[in-house]
Amino acid sequence: MFEPPSADAILAARRSLAAADPALATVEAVTPPFAWRVGLGGFPGLLKMIVQQQVSLASAAAIWARVEAGLPEMTPEIVADHDEAYLRTLGLSQPKARYARAIAEAHLSGVCDFDALRALSDEEAIAALTAIKGVGRWTAEVFLMFTQGRLDLFPGGDVALQEAMRWVDRAETRPTEKQAYARAELWRPYRGVAAHLLWACYGAVKRREIAPF
């Protein structure tokens, strides 16, 4: 288990971001404090992310509960021992059952050793994860942010982030993924904190805790 950035560390990074980018400073000034998002790490954590993608929150919780019940020892070895047919009885679609086995086999073959990810650079870790069938860059970036506390990762393909970036720049349209990555360059070495800030702002606006931009 990693130690997420402290409230003081996040506050210091927020101040640094605001000083570096006056446009972002406007959003930072009204966004409430937030904690770093923490997710389940290792092999089970990535499997959970894949299982829960593209379904409602209620469906995601229900399916994951069935997976946990059907795989009480959730290791790559045990998942690899089960065929896709069994994994589908746990509520997984055919593609997700295939991806679950691919994640397990990637660890066992050394393509993506979950025990060694922490020692890799951001780009090396992303490359190892995206070498697995079914794991895209967004999944890899968010997984590493939430399970290892990497401060300078920015998932530019995230739609909520793109919308909050539109607010930051008072733009008419959301940036594309490529534009989002380029815009976030100014926020190094705290792009991960900037992402959390933008998510927090987006959530606060949707909950009507702060005024829309």
N, C-alpha and C. Protein backbone atom coordinates (compact mmCIF):
# COMPACT_ATOMS: atom_id res chain seq x y z
N MET A 1 0.84 -1.19 0.00
CA MET A 1 0.00 0.00 0.00
C MET A 1 0.88 1.24 0.00
N PHE A 2 0.60 2.18 -0.89
CA PHE A 2 1.41 3.38 -0.96
C PHE A 2 0.84 4.46 -0.02
N GLU A 3 1.67 5.44 0.26
CA GLU A 3 1.24 6.57 1.09
C GLU A 3 0.84 7.71 0.16
N PRO A 4 -0.44 8.05 0.10
CA PRO A 4 -0.86 9.12 -0.82
C PRO A 4 -0.31 10.47 -0.38
N PRO A 5 -0.22 11.43 -1.30
CA PRO A 5 0.25 12.76 -0.93
C PRO A 5 -0.58 13.35 0.21
N SER A 6 0.09 13.99 1.14
CA SER A 6 -0.60 14.57 2.29
C SER A 6 -1.37 15.82 1.89
N ALA A 7 -2.24 16.27 2.79
CA ALA A 7 -3.00 17.50 2.53
C ALA A 7 -2.06 18.68 2.35
N ASP A 8 -0.98 18.74 3.13
CA ASP A 8 -0.02 19.83 3.01
C ASP A 8 0.70 19.78 1.66
N ALA A 9 1.05 18.57 1.21
CA ALA A 9 1.74 18.43 -0.07
C ALA A 9 0.82 18.84 -1.22
N ILE A 10 -0.44 18.46 -1.13
CA ILE A 10 -1.41 18.83 -2.17
C ILE A 10 -1.61 20.34 -2.18
N LEU A 11 -1.71 20.95 -1.01
CA LEU A 11 -1.89 22.39 -0.93
C LEU A 11 -0.70 23.13 -1.54
N ALA A 12 0.51 22.66 -1.23
CA ALA A 12 1.71 23.29 -1.78
C ALA A 12 1.73 23.17 -3.30
N ALA A 13 1.32 22.01 -3.81
CA ALA A 13 1.28 21.81 -5.26
C ALA A 13 0.21 22.69 -5.90
N ARG A 14 -0.93 22.84 -5.25
CA ARG A 14 -1.98 23.72 -5.75
C ARG A 14 -1.48 25.15 -5.88
N ARG A 15 -0.76 25.60 -4.88
CA ARG A 15 -0.22 26.97 -4.90
C ARG A 15 0.79 27.13 -6.03
N SER A 16 1.61 26.12 -6.22
CA SER A 16 2.60 26.15 -7.30
C SER A 16 1.91 26.20 -8.67
N LEU A 17 0.86 25.40 -8.83
CA LEU A 17 0.12 25.39 -10.09
C LEU A 17 -0.54 26.74 -10.35
N ALA A 18 -1.14 27.32 -9.32
CA ALA A 18 -1.80 28.62 -9.47
C ALA A 18 -0.81 29.70 -9.85
N ALA A 19 0.39 29.63 -9.29
CA ALA A 19 1.42 30.62 -9.60
C ALA A 19 1.92 30.46 -11.03
N ALA A 20 1.95 29.22 -11.51
CA ALA A 20 2.47 28.95 -12.85
C ALA A 20 1.46 29.25 -13.94
N ASP A 21 0.17 29.22 -13.60
CA ASP A 21 -0.87 29.35 -14.62
C ASP A 21 -2.02 30.22 -14.09
N PRO A 22 -2.03 31.52 -14.43
CA PRO A 22 -3.10 32.40 -13.93
C PRO A 22 -4.50 31.93 -14.29
N ALA A 23 -4.65 31.28 -15.45
CA ALA A 23 -5.99 30.78 -15.84
C ALA A 23 -6.43 29.68 -14.89
N LEU A 24 -5.53 28.78 -14.57
CA LEU A 24 -5.85 27.70 -13.63
C LEU A 24 -6.07 28.27 -12.23
N ALA A 25 -5.39 29.36 -11.90
CA ALA A 25 -5.51 29.96 -10.57
C ALA A 25 -6.96 30.36 -10.27
N THR A 26 -7.70 30.77 -11.29
CA THR A 26 -9.10 31.16 -11.09
C THR A 26 -9.93 29.99 -10.60
N VAL A 27 -9.70 28.82 -11.19
CA VAL A 27 -10.40 27.61 -10.77
C VAL A 27 -9.89 27.15 -9.40
N GLU A 28 -8.59 27.19 -9.20
CA GLU A 28 -8.01 26.74 -7.94
C GLU A 28 -8.55 27.54 -6.76
N ALA A 29 -8.81 28.81 -6.96
CA ALA A 29 -9.23 29.68 -5.87
C ALA A 29 -10.59 29.30 -5.30
N VAL A 30 -11.44 28.69 -6.11
CA VAL A 30 -12.80 28.39 -5.65
C VAL A 30 -13.04 26.89 -5.43
N THR A 31 -12.06 26.07 -5.74
CA THR A 31 -12.25 24.63 -5.60
C THR A 31 -11.93 24.18 -4.18
N PRO A 32 -12.85 23.46 -3.54
CA PRO A 32 -12.62 23.02 -2.15
C PRO A 32 -11.43 22.07 -2.04
N PRO A 33 -10.92 21.88 -0.81
CA PRO A 33 -9.83 20.92 -0.61
C PRO A 33 -10.26 19.51 -1.05
N PHE A 34 -9.31 18.73 -1.46
CA PHE A 34 -9.60 17.36 -1.88
C PHE A 34 -8.47 16.45 -1.42
N ALA A 35 -8.78 15.18 -1.30
CA ALA A 35 -7.77 14.17 -0.98
C ALA A 35 -7.40 13.43 -2.26
N TRP A 36 -6.22 12.86 -2.27
CA TRP A 36 -5.78 12.07 -3.41
C TRP A 36 -6.64 10.81 -3.51
N ARG A 37 -7.08 10.49 -4.71
CA ARG A 37 -7.89 9.30 -4.90
C ARG A 37 -7.01 8.05 -4.76
N VAL A 38 -7.49 7.10 -4.01
CA VAL A 38 -6.74 5.87 -3.76
C VAL A 38 -7.55 4.68 -4.25
N GLY A 39 -6.93 3.85 -5.07
CA GLY A 39 -7.61 2.67 -5.61
C GLY A 39 -6.91 1.39 -5.21
N LEU A 40 -7.57 0.29 -5.47
CA LEU A 40 -6.99 -1.03 -5.21
C LEU A 40 -5.82 -1.24 -6.16
N GLY A 41 -4.68 -1.65 -5.62
CA GLY A 41 -3.48 -1.77 -6.43
C GLY A 41 -3.21 -3.18 -6.94
N GLY A 42 -2.09 -3.31 -7.66
CA GLY A 42 -1.63 -4.61 -8.13
C GLY A 42 -2.55 -5.24 -9.15
N PHE A 43 -2.40 -6.53 -9.32
CA PHE A 43 -3.21 -7.27 -10.29
C PHE A 43 -4.72 -7.14 -10.02
N PRO A 44 -5.19 -7.31 -8.76
CA PRO A 44 -6.64 -7.19 -8.53
C PRO A 44 -7.17 -5.80 -8.88
N GLY A 45 -6.34 -4.78 -8.64
CA GLY A 45 -6.79 -3.41 -8.91
C GLY A 45 -7.00 -3.16 -10.39
N LEU A 46 -6.08 -3.62 -11.23
CA LEU A 46 -6.24 -3.41 -12.66
C LEU A 46 -7.41 -4.25 -13.18
N LEU A 47 -7.54 -5.45 -12.67
CA LEU A 47 -8.68 -6.28 -13.07
C LEU A 47 -9.99 -5.59 -12.72
N LYS A 48 -10.05 -5.00 -11.55
CA LYS A 48 -11.27 -4.30 -11.12
C LYS A 48 -11.58 -3.14 -12.06
N MET A 49 -10.56 -2.36 -12.43
CA MET A 49 -10.78 -1.24 -13.34
C MET A 49 -11.37 -1.71 -14.66
N ILE A 50 -10.82 -2.79 -15.20
CA ILE A 50 -11.30 -3.30 -16.48
C ILE A 50 -12.73 -3.82 -16.35
N VAL A 51 -13.00 -4.55 -15.28
CA VAL A 51 -14.32 -5.13 -15.06
C VAL A 51 -15.38 -4.04 -14.94
N GLN A 52 -15.04 -2.92 -14.31
CA GLN A 52 -16.05 -1.91 -14.00
C GLN A 52 -16.20 -0.82 -15.06
N GLN A 53 -15.37 -0.86 -16.09
CA GLN A 53 -15.47 0.17 -17.12
C GLN A 53 -16.71 0.00 -17.98
N GLN A 54 -17.27 1.15 -18.37
CA GLN A 54 -18.38 1.21 -19.33
C GLN A 54 -19.67 0.58 -18.84
N VAL A 55 -19.83 0.54 -17.52
CA VAL A 55 -21.12 0.12 -16.96
C VAL A 55 -21.49 1.12 -15.86
N SER A 56 -22.73 1.10 -15.43
CA SER A 56 -23.17 2.02 -14.38
C SER A 56 -22.50 1.66 -13.06
N LEU A 57 -22.53 2.60 -12.13
CA LEU A 57 -21.91 2.36 -10.84
C LEU A 57 -22.55 1.15 -10.14
N ALA A 58 -23.88 1.06 -10.22
CA ALA A 58 -24.57 -0.05 -9.57
C ALA A 58 -24.20 -1.38 -10.21
N SER A 59 -24.17 -1.40 -11.55
CA SER A 59 -23.79 -2.63 -12.25
C SER A 59 -22.34 -3.00 -11.95
N ALA A 60 -21.47 -2.00 -11.91
CA ALA A 60 -20.05 -2.25 -11.64
C ALA A 60 -19.87 -2.89 -10.27
N ALA A 61 -20.57 -2.36 -9.28
CA ALA A 61 -20.46 -2.91 -7.92
C ALA A 61 -20.98 -4.34 -7.86
N ALA A 62 -22.09 -4.58 -8.53
CA ALA A 62 -22.69 -5.91 -8.51
C ALA A 62 -21.79 -6.93 -9.21
N ILE A 63 -21.24 -6.55 -10.35
CA ILE A 63 -20.38 -7.48 -11.09
C ILE A 63 -19.11 -7.76 -10.31
N TRP A 64 -18.52 -6.71 -9.72
CA TRP A 64 -17.28 -6.92 -8.96
C TRP A 64 -17.53 -7.81 -7.74
N ALA A 65 -18.68 -7.68 -7.13
CA ALA A 65 -19.01 -8.54 -5.99
C ALA A 65 -19.06 -10.00 -6.43
N ARG A 66 -19.61 -10.26 -7.63
CA ARG A 66 -19.66 -11.63 -8.14
C ARG A 66 -18.25 -12.14 -8.47
N VAL A 67 -17.41 -11.25 -8.98
CA VAL A 67 -16.03 -11.66 -9.29
C VAL A 67 -15.29 -12.01 -8.01
N GLU A 68 -15.46 -11.19 -6.98
CA GLU A 68 -14.79 -11.46 -5.70
C GLU A 68 -15.27 -12.78 -5.11
N ALA A 69 -16.57 -13.05 -5.23
CA ALA A 69 -17.11 -14.30 -4.69
C ALA A 69 -16.60 -15.51 -5.48
N GLY A 70 -16.48 -15.34 -6.79
CA GLY A 70 -16.06 -16.46 -7.63
C GLY A 70 -14.55 -16.65 -7.68
N LEU A 71 -13.81 -15.62 -7.27
CA LEU A 71 -12.35 -15.69 -7.24
C LEU A 71 -11.85 -15.21 -5.88
N PRO A 72 -12.13 -15.97 -4.82
CA PRO A 72 -11.75 -15.51 -3.47
C PRO A 72 -10.24 -15.30 -3.33
N GLU A 73 -9.45 -16.06 -4.07
CA GLU A 73 -8.00 -15.82 -4.13
C GLU A 73 -7.72 -15.23 -5.51
N MET A 74 -7.65 -13.92 -5.57
CA MET A 74 -7.56 -13.25 -6.86
C MET A 74 -6.10 -13.01 -7.24
N THR A 75 -5.47 -14.07 -7.71
CA THR A 75 -4.08 -13.99 -8.15
C THR A 75 -4.01 -14.26 -9.65
N PRO A 76 -2.94 -13.81 -10.30
CA PRO A 76 -2.81 -14.10 -11.74
C PRO A 76 -2.84 -15.59 -12.03
N GLU A 77 -2.23 -16.38 -11.16
CA GLU A 77 -2.20 -17.82 -11.39
C GLU A 77 -3.61 -18.42 -11.41
N ILE A 78 -4.42 -18.02 -10.45
CA ILE A 78 -5.76 -18.59 -10.35
C ILE A 78 -6.65 -18.11 -11.49
N VAL A 79 -6.56 -16.82 -11.84
CA VAL A 79 -7.37 -16.31 -12.95
C VAL A 79 -6.97 -17.00 -14.25
N ALA A 80 -5.67 -17.18 -14.45
CA ALA A 80 -5.20 -17.84 -15.69
C ALA A 80 -5.65 -19.28 -15.76
N ASP A 81 -5.90 -19.90 -14.61
CA ASP A 81 -6.35 -21.30 -14.59
C ASP A 81 -7.81 -21.46 -15.00
N HIS A 82 -8.56 -20.36 -14.95
CA HIS A 82 -9.98 -20.42 -15.32
C HIS A 82 -10.14 -20.03 -16.79
N ASP A 83 -11.04 -20.71 -17.47
CA ASP A 83 -11.28 -20.35 -18.86
C ASP A 83 -12.28 -19.19 -18.94
N GLU A 84 -12.45 -18.67 -20.15
CA GLU A 84 -13.34 -17.53 -20.34
C GLU A 84 -14.78 -17.89 -19.98
N ALA A 85 -15.16 -19.12 -20.21
CA ALA A 85 -16.54 -19.53 -19.91
C ALA A 85 -16.84 -19.36 -18.42
N TYR A 86 -15.89 -19.77 -17.57
CA TYR A 86 -16.11 -19.61 -16.14
C TYR A 86 -16.17 -18.13 -15.77
N LEU A 87 -15.26 -17.34 -16.31
CA LEU A 87 -15.24 -15.91 -15.98
C LEU A 87 -16.53 -15.24 -16.41
N ARG A 88 -17.14 -15.71 -17.48
CA ARG A 88 -18.40 -15.13 -17.93
C ARG A 88 -19.54 -15.47 -16.96
N THR A 89 -19.44 -16.59 -16.25
CA THR A 89 -20.48 -16.90 -15.26
C THR A 89 -20.45 -15.91 -14.10
N LEU A 90 -19.35 -15.16 -13.97
CA LEU A 90 -19.23 -14.17 -12.90
C LEU A 90 -19.78 -12.81 -13.31
N GLY A 91 -20.32 -12.75 -14.53
CA GLY A 91 -20.93 -11.51 -14.99
C GLY A 91 -20.09 -10.73 -15.97
N LEU A 92 -18.94 -11.26 -16.35
CA LEU A 92 -18.10 -10.56 -17.30
C LEU A 92 -18.58 -10.80 -18.73
N SER A 93 -18.48 -9.75 -19.54
CA SER A 93 -18.76 -9.92 -20.96
C SER A 93 -17.63 -10.75 -21.57
N GLN A 94 -17.85 -11.23 -22.78
CA GLN A 94 -16.80 -12.02 -23.43
C GLN A 94 -15.49 -11.25 -23.59
N PRO A 95 -15.53 -9.96 -24.05
CA PRO A 95 -14.27 -9.22 -24.14
C PRO A 95 -13.59 -9.04 -22.78
N LYS A 96 -14.36 -8.77 -21.74
CA LYS A 96 -13.75 -8.54 -20.43
C LYS A 96 -13.20 -9.84 -19.84
N ALA A 97 -13.85 -10.95 -20.11
CA ALA A 97 -13.31 -12.23 -19.67
C ALA A 97 -11.96 -12.48 -20.36
N ARG A 98 -11.89 -12.12 -21.63
CA ARG A 98 -10.64 -12.28 -22.39
C ARG A 98 -9.56 -11.35 -21.82
N TYR A 99 -9.95 -10.12 -21.49
CA TYR A 99 -8.98 -9.17 -20.94
C TYR A 99 -8.49 -9.62 -19.56
N ALA A 100 -9.39 -10.19 -18.77
CA ALA A 100 -8.99 -10.67 -17.44
C ALA A 100 -7.89 -11.71 -17.56
N ARG A 101 -8.05 -12.62 -18.48
CA ARG A 101 -7.02 -13.64 -18.69
C ARG A 101 -5.74 -13.00 -19.25
N ALA A 102 -5.90 -12.00 -20.11
CA ALA A 102 -4.73 -11.34 -20.69
C ALA A 102 -3.91 -10.63 -19.61
N ILE A 103 -4.59 -10.01 -18.65
CA ILE A 103 -3.89 -9.34 -17.55
C ILE A 103 -3.12 -10.36 -16.73
N ALA A 104 -3.76 -11.48 -16.42
CA ALA A 104 -3.10 -12.52 -15.64
C ALA A 104 -1.89 -13.07 -16.38
N GLU A 105 -2.07 -13.35 -17.66
CA GLU A 105 -0.99 -13.94 -18.44
C GLU A 105 0.15 -12.95 -18.65
N ALA A 106 -0.16 -11.66 -18.70
CA ALA A 106 0.89 -10.65 -18.85
C ALA A 106 1.81 -10.64 -17.63
N HIS A 107 1.22 -10.78 -16.46
CA HIS A 107 2.04 -10.84 -15.24
C HIS A 107 2.87 -12.12 -15.21
N LEU A 108 2.25 -13.22 -15.51
CA LEU A 108 2.95 -14.52 -15.43
C LEU A 108 4.07 -14.63 -16.45
N SER A 109 3.89 -13.97 -17.59
CA SER A 109 4.91 -14.04 -18.65
C SER A 109 6.00 -12.99 -18.49
N GLY A 110 5.76 -12.02 -17.59
CA GLY A 110 6.73 -10.96 -17.40
C GLY A 110 6.51 -9.76 -18.29
N VAL A 111 5.49 -9.79 -19.14
CA VAL A 111 5.18 -8.63 -19.99
C VAL A 111 4.85 -7.43 -19.14
N CYS A 112 4.12 -7.66 -18.04
CA CYS A 112 3.80 -6.59 -17.09
C CYS A 112 3.83 -7.17 -15.68
N ASP A 113 4.97 -7.06 -15.04
CA ASP A 113 5.14 -7.57 -13.68
C ASP A 113 4.62 -6.53 -12.70
N PHE A 114 3.49 -6.80 -12.09
CA PHE A 114 2.87 -5.82 -11.20
C PHE A 114 3.74 -5.53 -9.98
N ASP A 115 4.56 -6.48 -9.59
CA ASP A 115 5.44 -6.27 -8.44
C ASP A 115 6.59 -5.33 -8.76
N ALA A 116 6.86 -5.13 -10.05
CA ALA A 116 8.00 -4.31 -10.46
C ALA A 116 7.60 -2.93 -10.99
N LEU A 117 6.31 -2.67 -11.13
CA LEU A 117 5.86 -1.42 -11.74
C LEU A 117 6.36 -0.19 -11.00
N ARG A 118 6.39 -0.25 -9.69
CA ARG A 118 6.74 0.93 -8.91
C ARG A 118 8.16 1.42 -9.22
N ALA A 119 9.04 0.50 -9.61
CA ALA A 119 10.42 0.86 -9.89
C ALA A 119 10.60 1.49 -11.27
N LEU A 120 9.56 1.47 -12.09
CA LEU A 120 9.65 2.00 -13.45
C LEU A 120 9.29 3.49 -13.49
N SER A 121 9.80 4.17 -14.49
CA SER A 121 9.40 5.56 -14.72
C SER A 121 7.94 5.58 -15.15
N ASP A 122 7.34 6.77 -15.18
CA ASP A 122 5.94 6.89 -15.59
C ASP A 122 5.73 6.28 -16.97
N GLU A 123 6.54 6.68 -17.93
CA GLU A 123 6.34 6.20 -19.30
C GLU A 123 6.63 4.71 -19.43
N GLU A 124 7.62 4.22 -18.70
CA GLU A 124 7.91 2.79 -18.72
C GLU A 124 6.75 1.98 -18.15
N ALA A 125 6.18 2.48 -17.05
CA ALA A 125 5.05 1.78 -16.43
C ALA A 125 3.82 1.81 -17.34
N ILE A 126 3.58 2.94 -17.98
CA ILE A 126 2.46 3.04 -18.92
C ILE A 126 2.65 2.07 -20.07
N ALA A 127 3.88 2.00 -20.59
CA ALA A 127 4.17 1.10 -21.71
C ALA A 127 3.94 -0.36 -21.31
N ALA A 128 4.35 -0.72 -20.10
CA ALA A 128 4.16 -2.10 -19.63
C ALA A 128 2.67 -2.43 -19.52
N LEU A 129 1.89 -1.49 -19.01
CA LEU A 129 0.45 -1.74 -18.83
C LEU A 129 -0.29 -1.77 -20.16
N THR A 130 0.04 -0.86 -21.05
CA THR A 130 -0.68 -0.79 -22.32
C THR A 130 -0.25 -1.89 -23.30
N ALA A 131 0.78 -2.64 -22.93
CA ALA A 131 1.15 -3.81 -23.73
C ALA A 131 0.14 -4.94 -23.53
N ILE A 132 -0.71 -4.82 -22.52
CA ILE A 132 -1.73 -5.83 -22.24
C ILE A 132 -2.97 -5.54 -23.07
N LYS A 133 -3.49 -6.54 -23.73
CA LYS A 133 -4.70 -6.37 -24.54
C LYS A 133 -5.86 -5.92 -23.65
N GLY A 134 -6.51 -4.84 -24.04
CA GLY A 134 -7.65 -4.33 -23.29
C GLY A 134 -7.31 -3.19 -22.36
N VAL A 135 -6.02 -2.88 -22.21
CA VAL A 135 -5.59 -1.79 -21.33
C VAL A 135 -5.12 -0.62 -22.18
N GLY A 136 -5.87 0.46 -22.17
CA GLY A 136 -5.51 1.66 -22.91
C GLY A 136 -4.72 2.64 -22.05
N ARG A 137 -4.31 3.72 -22.66
CA ARG A 137 -3.48 4.69 -21.95
C ARG A 137 -4.22 5.31 -20.77
N TRP A 138 -5.50 5.67 -20.97
CA TRP A 138 -6.27 6.27 -19.87
C TRP A 138 -6.30 5.34 -18.67
N THR A 139 -6.58 4.06 -18.91
CA THR A 139 -6.62 3.09 -17.82
C THR A 139 -5.28 3.01 -17.11
N ALA A 140 -4.21 2.96 -17.89
CA ALA A 140 -2.87 2.87 -17.30
C ALA A 140 -2.55 4.09 -16.46
N GLU A 141 -2.86 5.26 -16.97
CA GLU A 141 -2.54 6.50 -16.25
C GLU A 141 -3.33 6.61 -14.95
N VAL A 142 -4.62 6.35 -15.03
CA VAL A 142 -5.46 6.46 -13.83
C VAL A 142 -5.06 5.40 -12.81
N PHE A 143 -4.79 4.19 -13.27
CA PHE A 143 -4.36 3.11 -12.37
C PHE A 143 -3.09 3.52 -11.62
N LEU A 144 -2.11 4.04 -12.32
CA LEU A 144 -0.85 4.44 -11.69
C LEU A 144 -1.03 5.63 -10.75
N MET A 145 -1.90 6.56 -11.12
CA MET A 145 -2.17 7.70 -10.25
C MET A 145 -2.80 7.25 -8.93
N PHE A 146 -3.82 6.41 -9.05
CA PHE A 146 -4.63 6.06 -7.88
C PHE A 146 -4.00 4.97 -7.01
N THR A 147 -3.07 4.22 -7.56
CA THR A 147 -2.50 3.11 -6.79
C THR A 147 -1.05 3.31 -6.41
N GLN A 148 -0.41 4.32 -7.01
CA GLN A 148 0.99 4.58 -6.69
C GLN A 148 1.26 6.05 -6.38
N GLY A 149 0.24 6.88 -6.47
CA GLY A 149 0.41 8.28 -6.09
C GLY A 149 1.37 9.06 -6.96
N ARG A 150 1.44 8.72 -8.24
CA ARG A 150 2.37 9.41 -9.14
C ARG A 150 1.85 10.82 -9.42
N LEU A 151 2.66 11.81 -9.08
CA LEU A 151 2.21 13.20 -9.06
C LEU A 151 2.15 13.87 -10.43
N ASP A 152 2.83 13.30 -11.42
CA ASP A 152 2.93 14.02 -12.69
C ASP A 152 2.27 13.28 -13.85
N LEU A 153 1.32 12.42 -13.56
CA LEU A 153 0.56 11.77 -14.63
C LEU A 153 -0.71 12.55 -14.90
N PHE A 154 -1.08 12.63 -16.17
CA PHE A 154 -2.28 13.38 -16.55
C PHE A 154 -3.02 12.62 -17.63
N PRO A 155 -4.20 12.07 -17.32
CA PRO A 155 -4.98 11.32 -18.31
C PRO A 155 -5.75 12.25 -19.25
N GLY A 156 -5.07 12.69 -20.29
CA GLY A 156 -5.65 13.68 -21.19
C GLY A 156 -6.89 13.22 -21.92
N GLY A 157 -7.15 11.92 -21.96
CA GLY A 157 -8.35 11.42 -22.62
C GLY A 157 -9.60 11.45 -21.76
N ASP A 158 -9.47 11.91 -20.52
CA ASP A 158 -10.60 11.92 -19.60
C ASP A 158 -11.56 13.07 -19.94
N VAL A 159 -12.82 12.75 -20.20
CA VAL A 159 -13.78 13.75 -20.66
C VAL A 159 -14.07 14.79 -19.58
N ALA A 160 -14.17 14.38 -18.31
CA ALA A 160 -14.42 15.34 -17.24
C ALA A 160 -13.26 16.33 -17.13
N LEU A 161 -12.04 15.85 -17.27
CA LEU A 161 -10.89 16.75 -17.24
C LEU A 161 -10.94 17.72 -18.42
N GLN A 162 -11.28 17.21 -19.58
CA GLN A 162 -11.34 18.07 -20.76
C GLN A 162 -12.39 19.17 -20.58
N GLU A 163 -13.53 18.82 -19.99
CA GLU A 163 -14.57 19.83 -19.76
C GLU A 163 -14.10 20.88 -18.76
N ALA A 164 -13.45 20.45 -17.69
CA ALA A 164 -12.93 21.41 -16.70
C ALA A 164 -11.83 22.27 -17.32
N MET A 165 -11.05 21.71 -18.21
CA MET A 165 -10.02 22.50 -18.90
C MET A 165 -10.68 23.55 -19.80
N ARG A 166 -11.81 23.20 -20.38
CA ARG A 166 -12.56 24.19 -21.18
C ARG A 166 -12.96 25.37 -20.32
N TRP A 167 -13.39 25.07 -19.07
CA TRP A 167 -13.74 26.15 -18.15
C TRP A 167 -12.52 27.02 -17.83
N VAL A 168 -11.40 26.35 -17.58
CA VAL A 168 -10.16 27.08 -17.24
C VAL A 168 -9.84 28.11 -18.31
N ASP A 169 -9.94 27.71 -19.56
CA ASP A 169 -9.54 28.58 -20.66
C ASP A 169 -10.70 29.35 -21.28
N ARG A 170 -11.87 29.27 -20.67
CA ARG A 170 -13.05 29.99 -21.17
C ARG A 170 -13.26 29.71 -22.66
N ALA A 171 -13.10 28.46 -23.02
CA ALA A 171 -13.20 28.06 -24.43
C ALA A 171 -14.61 27.59 -24.76
N GLU A 172 -14.95 27.61 -26.04
CA GLU A 172 -16.29 27.18 -26.47
C GLU A 172 -16.38 25.67 -26.57
N THR A 173 -15.28 25.02 -26.88
CA THR A 173 -15.30 23.56 -27.04
C THR A 173 -14.22 22.92 -26.16
N ARG A 174 -14.45 21.67 -25.82
CA ARG A 174 -13.47 20.93 -25.04
C ARG A 174 -12.22 20.68 -25.87
N PRO A 175 -11.06 20.63 -25.22
CA PRO A 175 -9.85 20.26 -25.97
C PRO A 175 -9.89 18.79 -26.36
N THR A 176 -9.23 18.48 -27.44
CA THR A 176 -9.07 17.07 -27.80
C THR A 176 -8.07 16.45 -26.83
N GLU A 177 -7.93 15.13 -26.91
CA GLU A 177 -6.96 14.46 -26.05
C GLU A 177 -5.55 15.02 -26.30
N LYS A 178 -5.19 15.18 -27.55
CA LYS A 178 -3.87 15.72 -27.88
C LYS A 178 -3.70 17.13 -27.34
N GLN A 179 -4.72 17.95 -27.49
CA GLN A 179 -4.66 19.32 -26.98
C GLN A 179 -4.59 19.35 -25.46
N ALA A 180 -5.30 18.43 -24.81
CA ALA A 180 -5.28 18.37 -23.34
C ALA A 180 -3.89 18.05 -22.82
N TYR A 181 -3.23 17.08 -23.46
CA TYR A 181 -1.86 16.76 -23.04
C TYR A 181 -0.94 17.96 -23.23
N ALA A 182 -1.09 18.64 -24.37
CA ALA A 182 -0.23 19.80 -24.65
C ALA A 182 -0.50 20.92 -23.64
N ARG A 183 -1.76 21.16 -23.33
CA ARG A 183 -2.12 22.23 -22.37
C ARG A 183 -1.58 21.92 -20.99
N ALA A 184 -1.56 20.65 -20.61
CA ALA A 184 -1.12 20.25 -19.27
C ALA A 184 0.40 20.33 -19.08
N GLU A 185 1.13 20.52 -20.15
CA GLU A 185 2.59 20.60 -20.02
C GLU A 185 3.00 21.72 -19.07
N LEU A 186 2.23 22.78 -19.04
CA LEU A 186 2.54 23.91 -18.15
C LEU A 186 2.44 23.51 -16.68
N TRP A 187 1.75 22.41 -16.40
CA TRP A 187 1.49 22.02 -15.01
C TRP A 187 2.50 21.02 -14.46
N ARG A 188 3.51 20.67 -15.26
CA ARG A 188 4.58 19.82 -14.73
C ARG A 188 5.27 20.55 -13.57
N PRO A 189 5.74 19.87 -12.54
CA PRO A 189 5.73 18.42 -12.32
C PRO A 189 4.54 17.94 -11.48
N TYR A 190 3.44 18.73 -11.52
CA TYR A 190 2.28 18.40 -10.70
C TYR A 190 1.04 18.18 -11.55
N ARG A 191 1.21 17.55 -12.71
CA ARG A 191 0.03 17.34 -13.56
C ARG A 191 -1.00 16.44 -12.89
N GLY A 192 -0.55 15.50 -12.05
CA GLY A 192 -1.49 14.64 -11.33
C GLY A 192 -2.32 15.43 -10.33
N VAL A 193 -1.70 16.40 -9.68
CA VAL A 193 -2.43 17.26 -8.75
C VAL A 193 -3.39 18.14 -9.54
N ALA A 194 -2.95 18.64 -10.70
CA ALA A 194 -3.83 19.43 -11.55
C ALA A 194 -5.06 18.61 -11.97
N ALA A 195 -4.83 17.34 -12.29
CA ALA A 195 -5.96 16.47 -12.66
C ALA A 195 -6.94 16.34 -11.50
N HIS A 196 -6.42 16.12 -10.31
CA HIS A 196 -7.29 16.01 -9.13
C HIS A 196 -8.03 17.33 -8.88
N LEU A 197 -7.33 18.43 -9.07
CA LEU A 197 -7.96 19.75 -8.90
C LEU A 197 -9.11 19.92 -9.88
N LEU A 198 -8.88 19.57 -11.13
CA LEU A 198 -9.92 19.72 -12.15
C LEU A 198 -11.08 18.77 -11.89
N TRP A 199 -10.78 17.54 -11.48
CA TRP A 199 -11.86 16.61 -11.11
C TRP A 199 -12.68 17.17 -9.95
N ALA A 200 -11.98 17.72 -8.94
CA ALA A 200 -12.67 18.28 -7.77
C ALA A 200 -13.54 19.45 -8.18
N CYS A 201 -13.03 20.29 -9.07
CA CYS A 201 -13.81 21.42 -9.57
C CYS A 201 -15.03 20.94 -10.34
N TYR A 202 -14.82 19.98 -11.22
CA TYR A 202 -15.92 19.44 -12.02
C TYR A 202 -17.01 18.88 -11.12
N GLY A 203 -16.60 18.09 -10.11
CA GLY A 203 -17.58 17.51 -9.19
C GLY A 203 -18.33 18.56 -8.39
N ALA A 204 -17.60 19.59 -7.94
CA ALA A 204 -18.23 20.64 -7.14
C ALA A 204 -19.25 21.42 -7.96
N VAL A 205 -18.95 21.66 -9.23
CA VAL A 205 -19.90 22.35 -10.10
C VAL A 205 -21.14 21.48 -10.32
N LYS A 206 -20.92 20.19 -10.60
CA LYS A 206 -22.05 19.30 -10.84
C LYS A 206 -22.93 19.16 -9.60
N ARG A 207 -22.31 19.24 -8.42
CA ARG A 207 -23.09 19.15 -7.16
C ARG A 207 -23.63 20.51 -6.74
N ARG A 208 -23.34 21.52 -7.53
CA ARG A 208 -23.79 22.90 -7.29
C ARG A 208 -23.21 23.48 -6.01
N GLU A 209 -22.00 23.02 -5.67
CA GLU A 209 -21.30 23.58 -4.52
C GLU A 209 -20.57 24.86 -4.88
N ILE A 210 -20.19 24.99 -6.15
CA ILE A 210 -19.62 26.23 -6.65
C ILE A 210 -20.32 26.58 -7.94
N ALA A 211 -20.27 27.87 -8.31
CA ALA A 211 -20.98 28.33 -9.48
C ALA A 211 -20.32 27.82 -10.76
N PRO A 212 -21.13 27.54 -11.78
CA PRO A 212 -20.56 27.10 -13.06
C PRO A 212 -19.65 28.18 -13.65
N PHE A 213 -18.73 27.77 -14.47
CA PHE A 213 -17.80 28.70 -15.10
C PHE A 213 -18.32 29.11 -16.47
